Amino acid sequence: MNPYVLLAGAILSELMGTTALKLSDGFSQLGPSFGVVIGYGAAFYLLSLTLEELPIGVVYGTWAALGIVGVAAIGVVVFDEPIDLAGIIGILLIIGGVYCVNIVSQMSAH
């Protein structure tokens, strides 16, 4: 399977796990608490498969960066958390970094 599809699955699983973590209310809510375990478990499993084909720096950097961007977006849209201009600029810089590492750089080339 395409390692970038697996990486996308890992990122989505992490986003689900992190959203469930917020909803778990300190692990006092059973359903979301299970969502944390399932989301993070799937994320790390898919991440391990991705590492079979891509360099660790590319995989972890992309996973962490897009996780940050995704969680920030979920915070704004779902949980009505505020974002300011500096936050938007920071998120755009993170996206630019992911683009550079995966597209412009030779880091991900085999």
PDB file of N, CA and C in Angstrom:
ATOM      1  N   MET A   1       0.848  -1.180   0.000  1.00  0.00           N
ATOM      2  CA  MET A   1       0.000   0.000   0.000  1.00  0.00           C
ATOM      3  C   MET A   1       0.894   1.245   0.000  1.00  0.00           C
ATOM      4  N   ASN A   2       0.415   2.300  -0.588  1.00  0.00           N
ATOM      5  CA  ASN A   2       1.138   3.561  -0.652  1.00  0.00           C
ATOM      6  C   ASN A   2       1.412   4.067   0.776  1.00  0.00           C
ATOM      7  N   PRO A   3       2.685   4.329   1.096  1.00  0.00           N
ATOM      8  CA  PRO A   3       2.993   4.760   2.466  1.00  0.00           C
ATOM      9  C   PRO A   3       2.341   6.088   2.841  1.00  0.00           C
ATOM     10  N   TYR A   4       2.068   6.933   1.857  1.00  0.00           N
ATOM     11  CA  TYR A   4       1.418   8.204   2.174  1.00  0.00           C
ATOM     12  C   TYR A   4      -0.062   8.012   2.505  1.00  0.00           C
ATOM     13  N   VAL A   5      -0.683   6.979   1.982  1.00  0.00           N
ATOM     14  CA  VAL A   5      -2.061   6.647   2.370  1.00  0.00           C
ATOM     15  C   VAL A   5      -2.061   6.159   3.822  1.00  0.00           C
ATOM     16  N   LEU A   6      -1.080   5.323   4.164  1.00  0.00           N
ATOM     17  CA  LEU A   6      -0.963   4.852   5.548  1.00  0.00           C
ATOM     18  C   LEU A   6      -0.690   6.018   6.493  1.00  0.00           C
ATOM     19  N   LEU A   7       0.159   6.942   6.063  1.00  0.00           N
ATOM     20  CA  LEU A   7       0.462   8.111   6.885  1.00  0.00           C
ATOM     21  C   LEU A   7      -0.782   8.975   7.082  1.00  0.00           C
ATOM     22  N   ALA A   8      -1.567   9.141   6.026  1.00  0.00           N
ATOM     23  CA  ALA A   8      -2.820   9.897   6.147  1.00  0.00           C
ATOM     24  C   ALA A   8      -3.756   9.210   7.136  1.00  0.00           C
ATOM     25  N   GLY A   9      -3.817   7.887   7.081  1.00  0.00           N
ATOM     26  CA  GLY A   9      -4.635   7.144   8.040  1.00  0.00           C
ATOM     27  C   GLY A   9      -4.144   7.323   9.467  1.00  0.00           C
ATOM     28  N   ALA A  10      -2.818   7.353   9.645  1.00  0.00           N
ATOM     29  CA  ALA A  10      -2.243   7.574  10.975  1.00  0.00           C
ATOM     30  C   ALA A  10      -2.603   8.960  11.495  1.00  0.00           C
ATOM     31  N   ILE A  11      -2.543   9.949  10.620  1.00  0.00           N
ATOM     32  CA  ILE A  11      -2.871  11.319  11.017  1.00  0.00           C
ATOM     33  C   ILE A  11      -4.346  11.431  11.390  1.00  0.00           C
ATOM     34  N   LEU A  12      -5.211  10.854  10.563  1.00  0.00           N
ATOM     35  CA  LEU A  12      -6.648  10.896  10.862  1.00  0.00           C
ATOM     36  C   LEU A  12      -6.971  10.165  12.161  1.00  0.00           C
ATOM     37  N   SER A  13      -6.306   9.037  12.393  1.00  0.00           N
ATOM     38  CA  SER A  13      -6.519   8.291  13.637  1.00  0.00           C
ATOM     39  C   SER A  13      -6.073   9.103  14.846  1.00  0.00           C
ATOM     40  N   GLU A  14      -4.944   9.801  14.702  1.00  0.00           N
ATOM     41  CA  GLU A  14      -4.479  10.646  15.797  1.00  0.00           C
ATOM     42  C   GLU A  14      -5.462  11.786  16.063  1.00  0.00           C
ATOM     43  N   LEU A  15      -6.003  12.362  15.009  1.00  0.00           N
ATOM     44  CA  LEU A  15      -6.985  13.437  15.183  1.00  0.00           C
ATOM     45  C   LEU A  15      -8.227  12.933  15.910  1.00  0.00           C
ATOM     46  N   MET A  16      -8.665  11.736  15.551  1.00  0.00           N
ATOM     47  CA  MET A  16      -9.824  11.152  16.242  1.00  0.00           C
ATOM     48  C   MET A  16      -9.487  10.885  17.710  1.00  0.00           C
ATOM     49  N   GLY A  17      -8.289  10.341  17.969  1.00  0.00           N
ATOM     50  CA  GLY A  17      -7.881  10.069  19.345  1.00  0.00           C
ATOM     51  C   GLY A  17      -7.760  11.328  20.184  1.00  0.00           C
ATOM     52  N   THR A  18      -7.213  12.373  19.595  1.00  0.00           N
ATOM     53  CA  THR A  18      -7.046  13.625  20.323  1.00  0.00           C
ATOM     54  C   THR A  18      -8.392  14.304  20.580  1.00  0.00           C
ATOM     55  N   THR A  19      -9.285  14.237  19.616  1.00  0.00           N
ATOM     56  CA  THR A  19     -10.633  14.783  19.817  1.00  0.00           C
ATOM     57  C   THR A  19     -11.352  14.011  20.923  1.00  0.00           C
ATOM     58  N   ALA A  20     -11.206  12.696  20.896  1.00  0.00           N
ATOM     59  CA  ALA A  20     -11.805  11.874  21.956  1.00  0.00           C
ATOM     60  C   ALA A  20     -11.183  12.209  23.314  1.00  0.00           C
ATOM     61  N   LEU A  21      -9.885  12.531  23.323  1.00  0.00           N
ATOM     62  CA  LEU A  21      -9.220  12.902  24.572  1.00  0.00           C
ATOM     63  C   LEU A  21      -9.858  14.154  25.174  1.00  0.00           C
ATOM     64  N   LYS A  22     -10.145  15.116  24.331  1.00  0.00           N
ATOM     65  CA  LYS A  22     -10.825  16.339  24.801  1.00  0.00           C
ATOM     66  C   LYS A  22     -12.219  15.993  25.339  1.00  0.00           C
ATOM     67  N   LEU A  23     -12.933  15.124  24.633  1.00  0.00           N
ATOM     68  CA  LEU A  23     -14.293  14.752  25.024  1.00  0.00           C
ATOM     69  C   LEU A  23     -14.339  13.809  26.231  1.00  0.00           C
ATOM     70  N   SER A  24     -13.212  13.166  26.542  1.00  0.00           N
ATOM     71  CA  SER A  24     -13.201  12.190  27.640  1.00  0.00           C
ATOM     72  C   SER A  24     -13.295  12.842  29.017  1.00  0.00           C
ATOM     73  N   ASP A  25     -13.086  14.158  29.081  1.00  0.00           N
ATOM     74  CA  ASP A  25     -13.192  14.898  30.343  1.00  0.00           C
ATOM     75  C   ASP A  25     -12.318  14.250  31.414  1.00  0.00           C
ATOM     76  N   GLY A  26     -11.019  14.155  31.093  1.00  0.00           N
ATOM     77  CA  GLY A  26     -10.089  13.562  32.058  1.00  0.00           C
ATOM     78  C   GLY A  26     -10.308  12.078  32.248  1.00  0.00           C
ATOM     79  N   PHE A  27     -10.707  11.396  31.203  1.00  0.00           N
ATOM     80  CA  PHE A  27     -11.013   9.959  31.204  1.00  0.00           C
ATOM     81  C   PHE A  27     -12.171   9.598  32.124  1.00  0.00           C
ATOM     82  N   SER A  28     -13.049  10.558  32.375  1.00  0.00           N
ATOM     83  CA  SER A  28     -14.221  10.272  33.198  1.00  0.00           C
ATOM     84  C   SER A  28     -15.416   9.834  32.349  1.00  0.00           C
ATOM     85  N   GLN A  29     -15.339   9.989  31.045  1.00  0.00           N
ATOM     86  CA  GLN A  29     -16.394   9.562  30.120  1.00  0.00           C
ATOM     87  C   GLN A  29     -15.918   8.308  29.390  1.00  0.00           C
ATOM     88  N   LEU A  30     -16.619   7.208  29.578  1.00  0.00           N
ATOM     89  CA  LEU A  30     -16.154   5.906  29.094  1.00  0.00           C
ATOM     90  C   LEU A  30     -16.041   5.835  27.577  1.00  0.00           C
ATOM     91  N   GLY A  31     -17.062   6.260  26.845  1.00  0.00           N
ATOM     92  CA  GLY A  31     -17.043   6.161  25.379  1.00  0.00           C
ATOM     93  C   GLY A  31     -15.871   6.900  24.752  1.00  0.00           C
ATOM     94  N   PRO A  32     -15.720   8.186  25.044  1.00  0.00           N
ATOM     95  CA  PRO A  32     -14.571   8.899  24.486  1.00  0.00           C
ATOM     96  C   PRO A  32     -13.223   8.335  24.965  1.00  0.00           C
ATOM     97  N   SER A  33     -13.178   7.786  26.174  1.00  0.00           N
ATOM     98  CA  SER A  33     -11.933   7.196  26.661  1.00  0.00           C
ATOM     99  C   SER A  33     -11.522   6.007  25.808  1.00  0.00           C
ATOM    100  N   PHE A  34     -12.483   5.186  25.417  1.00  0.00           N
ATOM    101  CA  PHE A  34     -12.187   4.091  24.484  1.00  0.00           C
ATOM    102  C   PHE A  34     -11.739   4.646  23.141  1.00  0.00           C
ATOM    103  N   GLY A  35     -12.343   5.759  22.719  1.00  0.00           N
ATOM    104  CA  GLY A  35     -11.944   6.401  21.469  1.00  0.00           C
ATOM    105  C   GLY A  35     -10.493   6.844  21.476  1.00  0.00           C
ATOM    106  N   VAL A  36     -10.008   7.279  22.640  1.00  0.00           N
ATOM    107  CA  VAL A  36      -8.600   7.669  22.775  1.00  0.00           C
ATOM    108  C   VAL A  36      -7.700   6.463  22.509  1.00  0.00           C
ATOM    109  N   VAL A  37      -7.994   5.355  23.161  1.00  0.00           N
ATOM    110  CA  VAL A  37      -7.173   4.153  23.029  1.00  0.00           C
ATOM    111  C   VAL A  37      -7.205   3.634  21.592  1.00  0.00           C
ATOM    112  N   ILE A  38      -8.390   3.578  21.008  1.00  0.00           N
ATOM    113  CA  ILE A  38      -8.520   3.082  19.634  1.00  0.00           C
ATOM    114  C   ILE A  38      -7.839   4.029  18.646  1.00  0.00           C
ATOM    115  N   GLY A  39      -8.071   5.329  18.801  1.00  0.00           N
ATOM    116  CA  GLY A  39      -7.491   6.305  17.883  1.00  0.00           C
ATOM    117  C   GLY A  39      -5.978   6.298  17.923  1.00  0.00           C
ATOM    118  N   TYR A  40      -5.405   6.356  19.121  1.00  0.00           N
ATOM    119  CA  TYR A  40      -3.947   6.363  19.223  1.00  0.00           C
ATOM    120  C   TYR A  40      -3.343   5.009  18.869  1.00  0.00           C
ATOM    121  N   GLY A  41      -4.029   3.934  19.215  1.00  0.00           N
ATOM    122  CA  GLY A  41      -3.536   2.606  18.833  1.00  0.00           C
ATOM    123  C   GLY A  41      -3.454   2.455  17.328  1.00  0.00           C
ATOM    124  N   ALA A  42      -4.504   2.860  16.637  1.00  0.00           N
ATOM    125  CA  ALA A  42      -4.507   2.793  15.169  1.00  0.00           C
ATOM    126  C   ALA A  42      -3.457   3.727  14.580  1.00  0.00           C
ATOM    127  N   ALA A  43      -3.300   4.910  15.170  1.00  0.00           N
ATOM    128  CA  ALA A  43      -2.319   5.874  14.667  1.00  0.00           C
ATOM    129  C   ALA A  43      -0.905   5.294  14.736  1.00  0.00           C
ATOM    130  N   PHE A  44      -0.545   4.720  15.870  1.00  0.00           N
ATOM    131  CA  PHE A  44       0.806   4.183  16.003  1.00  0.00           C
ATOM    132  C   PHE A  44       1.013   2.938  15.145  1.00  0.00           C
ATOM    133  N   TYR A  45      -0.012   2.117  14.998  1.00  0.00           N
ATOM    134  CA  TYR A  45       0.115   0.954  14.122  1.00  0.00           C
ATOM    135  C   TYR A  45       0.356   1.397  12.675  1.00  0.00           C
ATOM    136  N   LEU A  46      -0.464   2.315  12.187  1.00  0.00           N
ATOM    137  CA  LEU A  46      -0.300   2.797  10.813  1.00  0.00           C
ATOM    138  C   LEU A  46       1.026   3.536  10.642  1.00  0.00           C
ATOM    139  N   LEU A  47       1.447   4.258  11.655  1.00  0.00           N
ATOM    140  CA  LEU A  47       2.731   4.936  11.608  1.00  0.00           C
ATOM    141  C   LEU A  47       3.866   3.923  11.489  1.00  0.00           C
ATOM    142  N   SER A  48       3.765   2.813  12.199  1.00  0.00           N
ATOM    143  CA  SER A  48       4.811   1.782  12.127  1.00  0.00           C
ATOM    144  C   SER A  48       4.897   1.183  10.725  1.00  0.00           C
ATOM    145  N   LEU A  49       3.755   1.010  10.063  1.00  0.00           N
ATOM    146  CA  LEU A  49       3.764   0.494   8.694  1.00  0.00           C
ATOM    147  C   LEU A  49       4.382   1.506   7.727  1.00  0.00           C
ATOM    148  N   THR A  50       4.102   2.775   7.957  1.00  0.00           N
ATOM    149  CA  THR A  50       4.659   3.825   7.116  1.00  0.00           C
ATOM    150  C   THR A  50       6.179   3.850   7.220  1.00  0.00           C
ATOM    151  N   LEU A  51       6.694   3.609   8.413  1.00  0.00           N
ATOM    152  CA  LEU A  51       8.141   3.652   8.635  1.00  0.00           C
ATOM    153  C   LEU A  51       8.894   2.533   7.923  1.00  0.00           C
ATOM    154  N   GLU A  52       8.179   1.527   7.439  1.00  0.00           N
ATOM    155  CA  GLU A  52       8.830   0.466   6.670  1.00  0.00           C
ATOM    156  C   GLU A  52       9.317   0.977   5.312  1.00  0.00           C
ATOM    157  N   GLU A  53       8.723   2.070   4.820  1.00  0.00           N
ATOM    158  CA  GLU A  53       9.048   2.549   3.481  1.00  0.00           C
ATOM    159  C   GLU A  53       9.584   3.969   3.407  1.00  0.00           C
ATOM    160  N   LEU A  54       9.319   4.779   4.415  1.00  0.00           N
ATOM    161  CA  LEU A  54       9.748   6.179   4.375  1.00  0.00           C
ATOM    162  C   LEU A  54      10.680   6.480   5.542  1.00  0.00           C
ATOM    163  N   PRO A  55      11.566   7.474   5.379  1.00  0.00           N
ATOM    164  CA  PRO A  55      12.490   7.848   6.459  1.00  0.00           C
ATOM    165  C   PRO A  55      11.746   8.386   7.684  1.00  0.00           C
ATOM    166  N   ILE A  56      12.298   8.095   8.857  1.00  0.00           N
ATOM    167  CA  ILE A  56      11.648   8.471  10.105  1.00  0.00           C
ATOM    168  C   ILE A  56      11.456   9.982  10.233  1.00  0.00           C
ATOM    169  N   GLY A  57      12.416  10.766   9.770  1.00  0.00           N
ATOM    170  CA  GLY A  57      12.292  12.225   9.864  1.00  0.00           C
ATOM    171  C   GLY A  57      11.124  12.754   9.065  1.00  0.00           C
ATOM    172  N   VAL A  58      10.929  12.210   7.879  1.00  0.00           N
ATOM    173  CA  VAL A  58       9.810  12.624   7.024  1.00  0.00           C
ATOM    174  C   VAL A  58       8.494  12.179   7.643  1.00  0.00           C
ATOM    175  N   VAL A  59       8.434  10.928   8.074  1.00  0.00           N
ATOM    176  CA  VAL A  59       7.194  10.380   8.629  1.00  0.00           C
ATOM    177  C   VAL A  59       6.789  11.105   9.906  1.00  0.00           C
ATOM    178  N   TYR A  60       7.700  11.185  10.860  1.00  0.00           N
ATOM    179  CA  TYR A  60       7.343  11.784  12.137  1.00  0.00           C
ATOM    180  C   TYR A  60       7.086  13.277  11.999  1.00  0.00           C
ATOM    181  N   GLY A  61       7.910  13.942  11.207  1.00  0.00           N
ATOM    182  CA  GLY A  61       7.705  15.372  11.001  1.00  0.00           C
ATOM    183  C   GLY A  61       6.359  15.678  10.376  1.00  0.00           C
ATOM    184  N   THR A  62       6.000  14.906   9.359  1.00  0.00           N
ATOM    185  CA  THR A  62       4.717  15.108   8.683  1.00  0.00           C
ATOM    186  C   THR A  62       3.559  14.768   9.606  1.00  0.00           C
ATOM    187  N   TRP A  63       3.665  13.650  10.308  1.00  0.00           N
ATOM    188  CA  TRP A  63       2.610  13.214  11.225  1.00  0.00           C
ATOM    189  C   TRP A  63       2.389  14.249  12.331  1.00  0.00           C
ATOM    190  N   ALA A  64       3.467  14.683  12.941  1.00  0.00           N
ATOM    191  CA  ALA A  64       3.346  15.652  14.031  1.00  0.00           C
ATOM    192  C   ALA A  64       2.813  16.992  13.533  1.00  0.00           C
ATOM    193  N   ALA A  65       3.361  17.476  12.426  1.00  0.00           N
ATOM    194  CA  ALA A  65       2.966  18.791  11.911  1.00  0.00           C
ATOM    195  C   ALA A  65       1.506  18.818  11.480  1.00  0.00           C
ATOM    196  N   LEU A  66       1.102  17.832  10.705  1.00  0.00           N
ATOM    197  CA  LEU A  66      -0.289  17.825  10.243  1.00  0.00           C
ATOM    198  C   LEU A  66      -1.247  17.499  11.377  1.00  0.00           C
ATOM    199  N   GLY A  67      -0.760  16.782  12.386  1.00  0.00           N
ATOM    200  CA  GLY A  67      -1.561  16.578  13.586  1.00  0.00           C
ATOM    201  C   GLY A  67      -1.817  17.894  14.305  1.00  0.00           C
ATOM    202  N   ILE A  68      -0.786  18.721  14.409  1.00  0.00           N
ATOM    203  CA  ILE A  68      -0.934  20.036  15.036  1.00  0.00           C
ATOM    204  C   ILE A  68      -1.938  20.886  14.270  1.00  0.00           C
ATOM    205  N   VAL A  69      -1.785  20.929  12.969  1.00  0.00           N
ATOM    206  CA  VAL A  69      -2.686  21.735  12.129  1.00  0.00           C
ATOM    207  C   VAL A  69      -4.117  21.216  12.244  1.00  0.00           C
ATOM    208  N   GLY A  70      -4.281  19.899  12.165  1.00  0.00           N
ATOM    209  CA  GLY A  70      -5.620  19.313  12.245  1.00  0.00           C
ATOM    210  C   GLY A  70      -6.286  19.532  13.583  1.00  0.00           C
ATOM    211  N   VAL A  71      -5.530  19.348  14.658  1.00  0.00           N
ATOM    212  CA  VAL A  71      -6.098  19.545  15.997  1.00  0.00           C
ATOM    213  C   VAL A  71      -6.456  21.014  16.209  1.00  0.00           C
ATOM    214  N   ALA A  72      -5.615  21.903  15.717  1.00  0.00           N
ATOM    215  CA  ALA A  72      -5.939  23.334  15.836  1.00  0.00           C
ATOM    216  C   ALA A  72      -7.233  23.650  15.091  1.00  0.00           C
ATOM    217  N   ALA A  73      -7.395  23.088  13.902  1.00  0.00           N
ATOM    218  CA  ALA A  73      -8.618  23.317  13.120  1.00  0.00           C
ATOM    219  C   ALA A  73      -9.835  22.736  13.835  1.00  0.00           C
ATOM    220  N   ILE A  74      -9.696  21.542  14.388  1.00  0.00           N
ATOM    221  CA  ILE A  74     -10.800  20.936  15.137  1.00  0.00           C
ATOM    222  C   ILE A  74     -11.146  21.800  16.348  1.00  0.00           C
ATOM    223  N   GLY A  75     -10.134  22.306  17.021  1.00  0.00           N
ATOM    224  CA  GLY A  75     -10.379  23.181  18.175  1.00  0.00           C
ATOM    225  C   GLY A  75     -11.196  24.405  17.800  1.00  0.00           C
ATOM    226  N   VAL A  76     -10.857  25.011  16.669  1.00  0.00           N
ATOM    227  CA  VAL A  76     -11.560  26.216  16.223  1.00  0.00           C
ATOM    228  C   VAL A  76     -12.982  25.877  15.777  1.00  0.00           C
ATOM    229  N   VAL A  77     -13.125  24.834  14.954  1.00  0.00           N
ATOM    230  CA  VAL A  77     -14.427  24.521  14.347  1.00  0.00           C
ATOM    231  C   VAL A  77     -15.365  23.810  15.315  1.00  0.00           C
ATOM    232  N   VAL A  78     -14.867  22.792  16.004  1.00  0.00           N
ATOM    233  CA  VAL A  78     -15.737  21.954  16.838  1.00  0.00           C
ATOM    234  C   VAL A  78     -15.906  22.518  18.246  1.00  0.00           C
ATOM    235  N   PHE A  79     -14.802  23.005  18.823  1.00  0.00           N
ATOM    236  CA  PHE A  79     -14.843  23.430  20.223  1.00  0.00           C
ATOM    237  C   PHE A  79     -14.871  24.948  20.387  1.00  0.00           C
ATOM    238  N   ASP A  80     -15.008  25.657  19.294  1.00  0.00           N
ATOM    239  CA  ASP A  80     -15.127  27.122  19.309  1.00  0.00           C
ATOM    240  C   ASP A  80     -13.967  27.792  20.049  1.00  0.00           C
ATOM    241  N   GLU A  81     -12.761  27.255  19.854  1.00  0.00           N
ATOM    242  CA  GLU A  81     -11.573  27.839  20.472  1.00  0.00           C
ATOM    243  C   GLU A  81     -11.077  28.990  19.606  1.00  0.00           C
ATOM    244  N   PRO A  82     -10.554  30.035  20.226  1.00  0.00           N
ATOM    245  CA  PRO A  82     -10.132  31.208  19.442  1.00  0.00           C
ATOM    246  C   PRO A  82      -8.823  30.970  18.697  1.00  0.00           C
ATOM    247  N   ILE A  83      -8.654  31.697  17.604  1.00  0.00           N
ATOM    248  CA  ILE A  83      -7.393  31.716  16.872  1.00  0.00           C
ATOM    249  C   ILE A  83      -7.163  33.149  16.421  1.00  0.00           C
ATOM    250  N   ASP A  84      -5.910  33.570  16.479  1.00  0.00           N
ATOM    251  CA  ASP A  84      -5.585  34.936  16.065  1.00  0.00           C
ATOM    252  C   ASP A  84      -4.664  34.903  14.850  1.00  0.00           C
ATOM    253  N   LEU A  85      -4.275  36.076  14.398  1.00  0.00           N
ATOM    254  CA  LEU A  85      -3.443  36.180  13.199  1.00  0.00           C
ATOM    255  C   LEU A  85      -2.108  35.459  13.373  1.00  0.00           C
ATOM    256  N   ALA A  86      -1.489  35.598  14.533  1.00  0.00           N
ATOM    257  CA  ALA A  86      -0.215  34.911  14.774  1.00  0.00           C
ATOM    258  C   ALA A  86      -0.393  33.395  14.692  1.00  0.00           C
ATOM    259  N   GLY A  87      -1.504  32.897  15.207  1.00  0.00           N
ATOM    260  CA  GLY A  87      -1.792  31.467  15.123  1.00  0.00           C
ATOM    261  C   GLY A  87      -1.966  31.006  13.689  1.00  0.00           C
ATOM    262  N   ILE A  88      -2.673  31.782  12.905  1.00  0.00           N
ATOM    263  CA  ILE A  88      -2.876  31.448  11.494  1.00  0.00           C
ATOM    264  C   ILE A  88      -1.542  31.443  10.752  1.00  0.00           C
ATOM    265  N   ILE A  89      -0.710  32.448  11.011  1.00  0.00           N
ATOM    266  CA  ILE A  89       0.606  32.503  10.360  1.00  0.00           C
ATOM    267  C   ILE A  89       1.447  31.295  10.761  1.00  0.00           C
ATOM    268  N   GLY A  90       1.428  30.957  12.037  1.00  0.00           N
ATOM    269  CA  GLY A  90       2.167  29.786  12.505  1.00  0.00           C
ATOM    270  C   GLY A  90       1.712  28.504  11.826  1.00  0.00           C
ATOM    271  N   ILE A  91       0.413  28.331  11.697  1.00  0.00           N
ATOM    272  CA  ILE A  91      -0.129  27.144  11.033  1.00  0.00           C
ATOM    273  C   ILE A  91       0.285  27.111   9.561  1.00  0.00           C
ATOM    274  N   LEU A  92       0.246  28.259   8.902  1.00  0.00           N
ATOM    275  CA  LEU A  92       0.691  28.317   7.503  1.00  0.00           C
ATOM    276  C   LEU A  92       2.181  27.979   7.380  1.00  0.00           C
ATOM    277  N   LEU A  93       2.983  28.398   8.338  1.00  0.00           N
ATOM    278  CA  LEU A  93       4.404  28.055   8.324  1.00  0.00           C
ATOM    279  C   LEU A  93       4.606  26.548   8.514  1.00  0.00           C
ATOM    280  N   ILE A  94       3.813  25.937   9.377  1.00  0.00           N
ATOM    281  CA  ILE A  94       3.894  24.483   9.568  1.00  0.00           C
ATOM    282  C   ILE A  94       3.556  23.768   8.262  1.00  0.00           C
ATOM    283  N   ILE A  95       2.483  24.180   7.608  1.00  0.00           N
ATOM    284  CA  ILE A  95       2.093  23.574   6.334  1.00  0.00           C
ATOM    285  C   ILE A  95       3.202  23.765   5.297  1.00  0.00           C
ATOM    286  N   GLY A  96       3.809  24.963   5.277  1.00  0.00           N
ATOM    287  CA  GLY A  96       4.927  25.211   4.365  1.00  0.00           C
ATOM    288  C   GLY A  96       6.100  24.294   4.646  1.00  0.00           C
ATOM    289  N   GLY A  97       6.370  24.027   5.913  1.00  0.00           N
ATOM    290  CA  GLY A  97       7.448  23.116   6.279  1.00  0.00           C
ATOM    291  C   GLY A  97       7.184  21.700   5.812  1.00  0.00           C
ATOM    292  N   VAL A  98       5.951  21.238   5.977  1.00  0.00           N
ATOM    293  CA  VAL A  98       5.587  19.898   5.501  1.00  0.00           C
ATOM    294  C   VAL A  98       5.752  19.817   3.988  1.00  0.00           C
ATOM    295  N   TYR A  99       5.339  20.852   3.278  1.00  0.00           N
ATOM    296  CA  TYR A  99       5.500  20.894   1.826  1.00  0.00           C
ATOM    297  C   TYR A  99       6.983  20.809   1.445  1.00  0.00           C
ATOM    298  N   CYS A 100       7.806  21.578   2.124  1.00  0.00           N
ATOM    299  CA  CYS A 100       9.239  21.578   1.807  1.00  0.00           C
ATOM    300  C   CYS A 100       9.865  20.202   2.041  1.00  0.00           C
ATOM    301  N   VAL A 101       9.553  19.580   3.163  1.00  0.00           N
ATOM    302  CA  VAL A 101      10.141  18.277   3.493  1.00  0.00           C
ATOM    303  C   VAL A 101       9.674  17.188   2.526  1.00  0.00           C
ATOM    304  N   ASN A 102       8.403  17.203   2.153  1.00  0.00           N
ATOM    305  CA  ASN A 102       7.850  16.123   1.340  1.00  0.00           C
ATOM    306  C   ASN A 102       7.949  16.353  -0.164  1.00  0.00           C
ATOM    307  N   ILE A 103       7.957  17.596  -0.620  1.00  0.00           N
ATOM    308  CA  ILE A 103       7.917  17.879  -2.058  1.00  0.00           C
ATOM    309  C   ILE A 103       9.232  18.481  -2.561  1.00  0.00           C
ATOM    310  N   VAL A 104       9.710  19.510  -1.893  1.00  0.00           N
ATOM    311  CA  VAL A 104      10.877  20.237  -2.375  1.00  0.00           C
ATOM    312  C   VAL A 104      12.182  19.498  -2.031  1.00  0.00           C
ATOM    313  N   SER A 105      12.278  18.996  -0.817  1.00  0.00           N
ATOM    314  CA  SER A 105      13.480  18.323  -0.337  1.00  0.00           C
ATOM    315  C   SER A 105      13.619  16.937  -0.965  1.00  0.00           C
ATOM    316  N   GLN A 106      14.822  16.433  -0.926  1.00  0.00           N
ATOM    317  CA  GLN A 106      15.091  15.066  -1.376  1.00  0.00           C
ATOM    318  C   GLN A 106      14.997  14.067  -0.216  1.00  0.00           C
ATOM    319  N   MET A 107      14.560  14.531   0.952  1.00  0.00           N
ATOM    320  CA  MET A 107      14.503  13.661   2.136  1.00  0.00           C
ATOM    321  C   MET A 107      13.622  12.441   1.935  1.00  0.00           C
ATOM    322  N   SER A 108      12.500  12.610   1.246  1.00  0.00           N
ATOM    323  CA  SER A 108      11.566  11.496   1.113  1.00  0.00           C
ATOM    324  C   SER A 108      11.834  10.647  -0.116  1.00  0.00           C
ATOM    325  N   ALA A 109      12.789  11.053  -0.940  1.00  0.00           N
ATOM    326  CA  ALA A 109      13.090  10.288  -2.155  1.00  0.00           C
ATOM    327  C   ALA A 109      13.855   9.020  -1.804  1.00  0.00           C
ATOM    328  N   HIS A 110      13.587   7.954  -2.551  1.00  0.00           N
ATOM    329  CA  HIS A 110      14.311   6.689  -2.343  1.00  0.00           C
ATOM    330  C   HIS A 110      15.399   6.550  -3.382  1.00  0.00           C
TER     331      HIS A 110
END
